Amino acid sequence: MKLFDKAKQAAEQAAVKAKEGVEEVQTKRDLNGAYGELGEKAFELVEGGGLEHADLEPLVARIRALRAKLAEDGSSASAAEPAAAASDQPPAMPT
């Protein structure tokens, strides 16, 4: 019976570590989402003239270029393949 108790204890410890790992991954996803939201808000503020900083300009220019490329790619897509709908949410992290 002692062997069974050790195996049970090891399984419980593994379950706790797995749960902690899942919680850490979820926290990292939440943090990544928060950074994305902050970035979107900063971009909106720059576009609206409410925020200016030289360090932001290259990032804003990159976003503008990527948006233009998406718009260009979307206009050249065939009617059978509609462009993906825009979302207010950041993309899901791969699992």
N, C-alpha and C. Protein backbone atom coordinates (compact mmCIF):
# COMPACT_ATOMS: atom_id res chain seq x y z
N MET A 1 0.82 -1.18 0.00
CA MET A 1 0.00 0.00 0.00
C MET A 1 0.87 1.26 0.00
N LYS A 2 2.05 1.18 0.55
CA LYS A 2 2.94 2.32 0.61
C LYS A 2 3.31 2.79 -0.81
N LEU A 3 3.53 1.87 -1.74
CA LEU A 3 3.86 2.20 -3.12
C LEU A 3 2.69 2.95 -3.77
N PHE A 4 1.48 2.50 -3.49
CA PHE A 4 0.29 3.16 -4.03
C PHE A 4 0.19 4.60 -3.52
N ASP A 5 0.45 4.80 -2.25
CA ASP A 5 0.39 6.14 -1.67
C ASP A 5 1.42 7.07 -2.30
N LYS A 6 2.63 6.55 -2.56
CA LYS A 6 3.68 7.35 -3.20
C LYS A 6 3.27 7.71 -4.62
N ALA A 7 2.70 6.75 -5.34
CA ALA A 7 2.26 7.01 -6.71
C ALA A 7 1.14 8.05 -6.73
N LYS A 8 0.22 7.94 -5.78
CA LYS A 8 -0.88 8.89 -5.68
C LYS A 8 -0.36 10.29 -5.38
N GLN A 9 0.60 10.38 -4.47
CA GLN A 9 1.18 11.67 -4.11
C GLN A 9 1.92 12.27 -5.32
N ALA A 10 2.64 11.44 -6.04
CA ALA A 10 3.36 11.93 -7.22
C ALA A 10 2.37 12.43 -8.28
N ALA A 11 1.26 11.72 -8.45
CA ALA A 11 0.25 12.14 -9.42
C ALA A 11 -0.38 13.47 -9.01
N GLU A 12 -0.63 13.64 -7.72
CA GLU A 12 -1.20 14.89 -7.23
C GLU A 12 -0.24 16.06 -7.44
N GLN A 13 1.04 15.82 -7.20
CA GLN A 13 2.05 16.87 -7.41
C GLN A 13 2.14 17.23 -8.89
N ALA A 14 2.07 16.22 -9.74
CA ALA A 14 2.12 16.48 -11.18
C ALA A 14 0.90 17.29 -11.62
N ALA A 15 -0.26 16.98 -11.05
CA ALA A 15 -1.47 17.72 -11.39
C ALA A 15 -1.36 19.18 -10.95
N VAL A 16 -0.80 19.42 -9.77
CA VAL A 16 -0.62 20.79 -9.27
C VAL A 16 0.34 21.55 -10.18
N LYS A 17 1.44 20.92 -10.57
CA LYS A 17 2.41 21.58 -11.46
C LYS A 17 1.79 21.87 -12.82
N ALA A 18 0.99 20.94 -13.33
CA ALA A 18 0.33 21.15 -14.62
C ALA A 18 -0.64 22.33 -14.53
N LYS A 19 -1.39 22.40 -13.44
CA LYS A 19 -2.34 23.50 -13.25
C LYS A 19 -1.61 24.83 -13.18
N GLU A 20 -0.49 24.85 -12.45
CA GLU A 20 0.31 26.08 -12.36
C GLU A 20 0.83 26.48 -13.74
N GLY A 21 1.23 25.48 -14.53
CA GLY A 21 1.72 25.77 -15.87
C GLY A 21 0.63 26.35 -16.75
N VAL A 22 -0.58 25.80 -16.65
CA VAL A 22 -1.71 26.32 -17.43
C VAL A 22 -2.03 27.75 -16.99
N GLU A 23 -2.02 28.00 -15.71
CA GLU A 23 -2.29 29.35 -15.20
C GLU A 23 -1.23 30.33 -15.69
N GLU A 24 0.02 29.91 -15.72
CA GLU A 24 1.10 30.78 -16.21
C GLU A 24 0.91 31.10 -17.69
N VAL A 25 0.56 30.09 -18.47
CA VAL A 25 0.33 30.31 -19.90
C VAL A 25 -0.83 31.27 -20.10
N GLN A 26 -1.91 31.09 -19.34
CA GLN A 26 -3.06 31.99 -19.46
C GLN A 26 -2.69 33.41 -19.06
N THR A 27 -1.89 33.55 -18.02
CA THR A 27 -1.46 34.89 -17.60
C THR A 27 -0.61 35.53 -18.69
N LYS A 28 0.25 34.76 -19.31
CA LYS A 28 1.08 35.30 -20.40
C LYS A 28 0.20 35.70 -21.58
N ARG A 29 -0.84 34.92 -21.89
CA ARG A 29 -1.76 35.28 -22.97
C ARG A 29 -2.49 36.57 -22.62
N ASP A 30 -2.93 36.69 -21.38
CA ASP A 30 -3.62 37.90 -20.95
C ASP A 30 -2.69 39.11 -21.05
N LEU A 31 -1.44 38.94 -20.65
CA LEU A 31 -0.46 40.02 -20.74
C LEU A 31 -0.24 40.42 -22.20
N ASN A 32 -0.11 39.43 -23.06
CA ASN A 32 0.07 39.71 -24.48
C ASN A 32 -1.14 40.47 -25.04
N GLY A 33 -2.33 40.07 -24.62
CA GLY A 33 -3.53 40.77 -25.05
C GLY A 33 -3.57 42.20 -24.55
N ALA A 34 -3.13 42.40 -23.31
CA ALA A 34 -3.10 43.75 -22.75
C ALA A 34 -2.12 44.64 -23.51
N TYR A 35 -0.96 44.07 -23.87
CA TYR A 35 -0.01 44.83 -24.69
C TYR A 35 -0.62 45.18 -26.04
N GLY A 36 -1.33 44.24 -26.62
CA GLY A 36 -1.99 44.50 -27.90
C GLY A 36 -3.02 45.62 -27.79
N GLU A 37 -3.81 45.59 -26.72
CA GLU A 37 -4.81 46.64 -26.51
C GLU A 37 -4.14 47.99 -26.31
N LEU A 38 -3.05 48.00 -25.54
CA LEU A 38 -2.31 49.24 -25.32
C LEU A 38 -1.76 49.76 -26.64
N GLY A 39 -1.23 48.87 -27.45
CA GLY A 39 -0.70 49.28 -28.75
C GLY A 39 -1.76 49.85 -29.66
N GLU A 40 -2.93 49.20 -29.69
CA GLU A 40 -4.02 49.71 -30.51
C GLU A 40 -4.47 51.09 -30.04
N LYS A 41 -4.58 51.24 -28.72
CA LYS A 41 -5.00 52.54 -28.18
C LYS A 41 -3.95 53.61 -28.50
N ALA A 42 -2.67 53.27 -28.34
CA ALA A 42 -1.61 54.24 -28.64
C ALA A 42 -1.66 54.62 -30.12
N PHE A 43 -1.89 53.63 -30.99
CA PHE A 43 -1.98 53.92 -32.43
C PHE A 43 -3.15 54.87 -32.71
N GLU A 44 -4.30 54.60 -32.08
CA GLU A 44 -5.47 55.48 -32.26
C GLU A 44 -5.15 56.90 -31.80
N LEU A 45 -4.45 57.00 -30.67
CA LEU A 45 -4.10 58.33 -30.16
C LEU A 45 -3.14 59.05 -31.09
N VAL A 46 -2.18 58.33 -31.65
CA VAL A 46 -1.24 58.94 -32.60
C VAL A 46 -2.01 59.40 -33.84
N GLU A 47 -2.88 58.53 -34.34
CA GLU A 47 -3.66 58.88 -35.53
C GLU A 47 -4.56 60.09 -35.28
N GLY A 48 -5.09 60.20 -34.07
CA GLY A 48 -5.97 61.31 -33.73
C GLY A 48 -5.24 62.56 -33.28
N GLY A 49 -3.93 62.52 -33.20
CA GLY A 49 -3.16 63.68 -32.79
C GLY A 49 -3.05 63.86 -31.29
N GLY A 50 -3.50 62.88 -30.52
CA GLY A 50 -3.46 63.01 -29.07
C GLY A 50 -2.18 62.49 -28.44
N LEU A 51 -1.31 61.90 -29.24
CA LEU A 51 -0.07 61.35 -28.72
C LEU A 51 1.02 61.50 -29.77
N GLU A 52 2.13 62.04 -29.34
CA GLU A 52 3.27 62.20 -30.25
C GLU A 52 4.55 61.82 -29.52
N HIS A 53 5.34 61.01 -30.18
CA HIS A 53 6.67 60.68 -29.66
C HIS A 53 7.47 60.09 -30.80
N ALA A 54 8.71 60.50 -30.92
CA ALA A 54 9.55 60.05 -32.02
C ALA A 54 9.73 58.54 -32.03
N ASP A 55 9.77 57.91 -30.87
CA ASP A 55 9.94 56.46 -30.81
C ASP A 55 8.74 55.71 -31.38
N LEU A 56 7.58 56.35 -31.39
CA LEU A 56 6.37 55.70 -31.90
C LEU A 56 6.27 55.75 -33.42
N GLU A 57 6.91 56.71 -34.04
CA GLU A 57 6.75 56.91 -35.48
C GLU A 57 7.09 55.68 -36.33
N PRO A 58 8.22 54.99 -36.10
CA PRO A 58 8.50 53.80 -36.93
C PRO A 58 7.45 52.71 -36.75
N LEU A 59 6.94 52.58 -35.54
CA LEU A 59 5.92 51.56 -35.28
C LEU A 59 4.60 51.93 -35.96
N VAL A 60 4.24 53.20 -35.89
CA VAL A 60 3.03 53.67 -36.54
C VAL A 60 3.15 53.51 -38.05
N ALA A 61 4.30 53.85 -38.59
CA ALA A 61 4.52 53.69 -40.03
C ALA A 61 4.41 52.23 -40.45
N ARG A 62 4.91 51.33 -39.63
CA ARG A 62 4.83 49.90 -39.94
C ARG A 62 3.37 49.43 -39.93
N ILE A 63 2.60 49.88 -38.95
CA ILE A 63 1.19 49.52 -38.89
C ILE A 63 0.44 50.06 -40.10
N ARG A 64 0.72 51.29 -40.46
CA ARG A 64 0.08 51.87 -41.65
C ARG A 64 0.40 51.06 -42.90
N ALA A 65 1.65 50.67 -43.04
CA ALA A 65 2.06 49.88 -44.21
C ALA A 65 1.38 48.51 -44.22
N LEU A 66 1.31 47.88 -43.06
CA LEU A 66 0.66 46.57 -42.99
C LEU A 66 -0.84 46.68 -43.26
N ARG A 67 -1.46 47.72 -42.75
CA ARG A 67 -2.89 47.93 -43.02
C ARG A 67 -3.12 48.17 -44.52
N ALA A 68 -2.26 48.95 -45.13
CA ALA A 68 -2.38 49.21 -46.56
C ALA A 68 -2.22 47.91 -47.36
N LYS A 69 -1.29 47.09 -46.93
CA LYS A 69 -1.08 45.81 -47.62
C LYS A 69 -2.31 44.92 -47.48
N LEU A 70 -2.89 44.88 -46.29
CA LEU A 70 -4.11 44.09 -46.09
C LEU A 70 -5.24 44.61 -46.96
N ALA A 71 -5.37 45.92 -47.03
CA ALA A 71 -6.42 46.51 -47.85
C ALA A 71 -6.20 46.17 -49.32
N GLU A 72 -4.95 46.23 -49.74
CA GLU A 72 -4.60 45.89 -51.12
C GLU A 72 -4.87 44.42 -51.40
N ASP A 73 -4.44 43.56 -50.50
CA ASP A 73 -4.66 42.12 -50.66
C ASP A 73 -6.14 41.79 -50.64
N GLY A 74 -6.88 42.48 -49.79
CA GLY A 74 -8.32 42.25 -49.69
C GLY A 74 -9.05 42.67 -50.94
N SER A 75 -8.60 43.74 -51.59
CA SER A 75 -9.27 44.20 -52.80
C SER A 75 -8.97 43.32 -53.99
N SER A 76 -7.86 42.58 -53.94
CA SER A 76 -7.52 41.70 -55.05
C SER A 76 -8.02 40.28 -54.85
N ALA A 77 -8.61 39.99 -53.68
CA ALA A 77 -9.15 38.65 -53.42
C ALA A 77 -10.40 38.45 -54.26
N SER A 78 -10.61 37.23 -54.71
CA SER A 78 -11.80 36.94 -55.52
C SER A 78 -13.04 36.94 -54.65
N ALA A 79 -14.18 37.07 -55.25
CA ALA A 79 -15.44 37.08 -54.52
C ALA A 79 -15.69 35.76 -53.82
N ALA A 80 -15.12 34.68 -54.34
CA ALA A 80 -15.29 33.36 -53.73
C ALA A 80 -14.47 33.23 -52.45
N GLU A 81 -13.47 34.09 -52.27
CA GLU A 81 -12.62 34.04 -51.10
C GLU A 81 -12.66 35.39 -50.39
N PRO A 82 -13.71 35.65 -49.62
CA PRO A 82 -13.78 36.95 -48.94
C PRO A 82 -12.66 37.12 -47.93
N ALA A 83 -12.26 38.35 -47.71
CA ALA A 83 -11.21 38.65 -46.74
C ALA A 83 -11.72 38.36 -45.34
N ALA A 84 -10.83 38.03 -44.44
CA ALA A 84 -11.20 37.74 -43.06
C ALA A 84 -11.78 38.99 -42.42
N ALA A 85 -12.79 38.81 -41.61
CA ALA A 85 -13.44 39.94 -40.94
C ALA A 85 -12.52 40.50 -39.87
N ALA A 86 -12.52 41.82 -39.73
CA ALA A 86 -11.71 42.45 -38.69
C ALA A 86 -12.33 42.17 -37.34
N SER A 87 -11.50 42.12 -36.32
CA SER A 87 -11.96 41.82 -34.98
C SER A 87 -11.37 42.82 -34.01
N ASP A 88 -12.11 43.08 -32.94
CA ASP A 88 -11.60 43.95 -31.89
C ASP A 88 -10.62 43.21 -30.99
N GLN A 89 -10.58 41.89 -31.10
CA GLN A 89 -9.75 41.06 -30.23
C GLN A 89 -8.42 40.73 -30.90
N PRO A 90 -7.36 40.58 -30.12
CA PRO A 90 -6.09 40.16 -30.71
C PRO A 90 -6.20 38.72 -31.17
N PRO A 91 -5.36 38.29 -32.11
CA PRO A 91 -5.45 36.91 -32.58
C PRO A 91 -5.15 35.92 -31.46
N ALA A 92 -5.74 34.76 -31.57
CA ALA A 92 -5.53 33.72 -30.56
C ALA A 92 -4.11 33.20 -30.67
N MET A 93 -3.56 32.85 -29.53
CA MET A 93 -2.21 32.26 -29.48
C MET A 93 -2.29 30.81 -29.90
N PRO A 94 -1.33 30.33 -30.67
CA PRO A 94 -1.34 28.90 -31.04
C PRO A 94 -1.10 28.04 -29.80
N THR A 95 -1.71 26.89 -29.83
CA THR A 95 -1.55 25.98 -28.69
C THR A 95 -0.69 24.80 -29.06
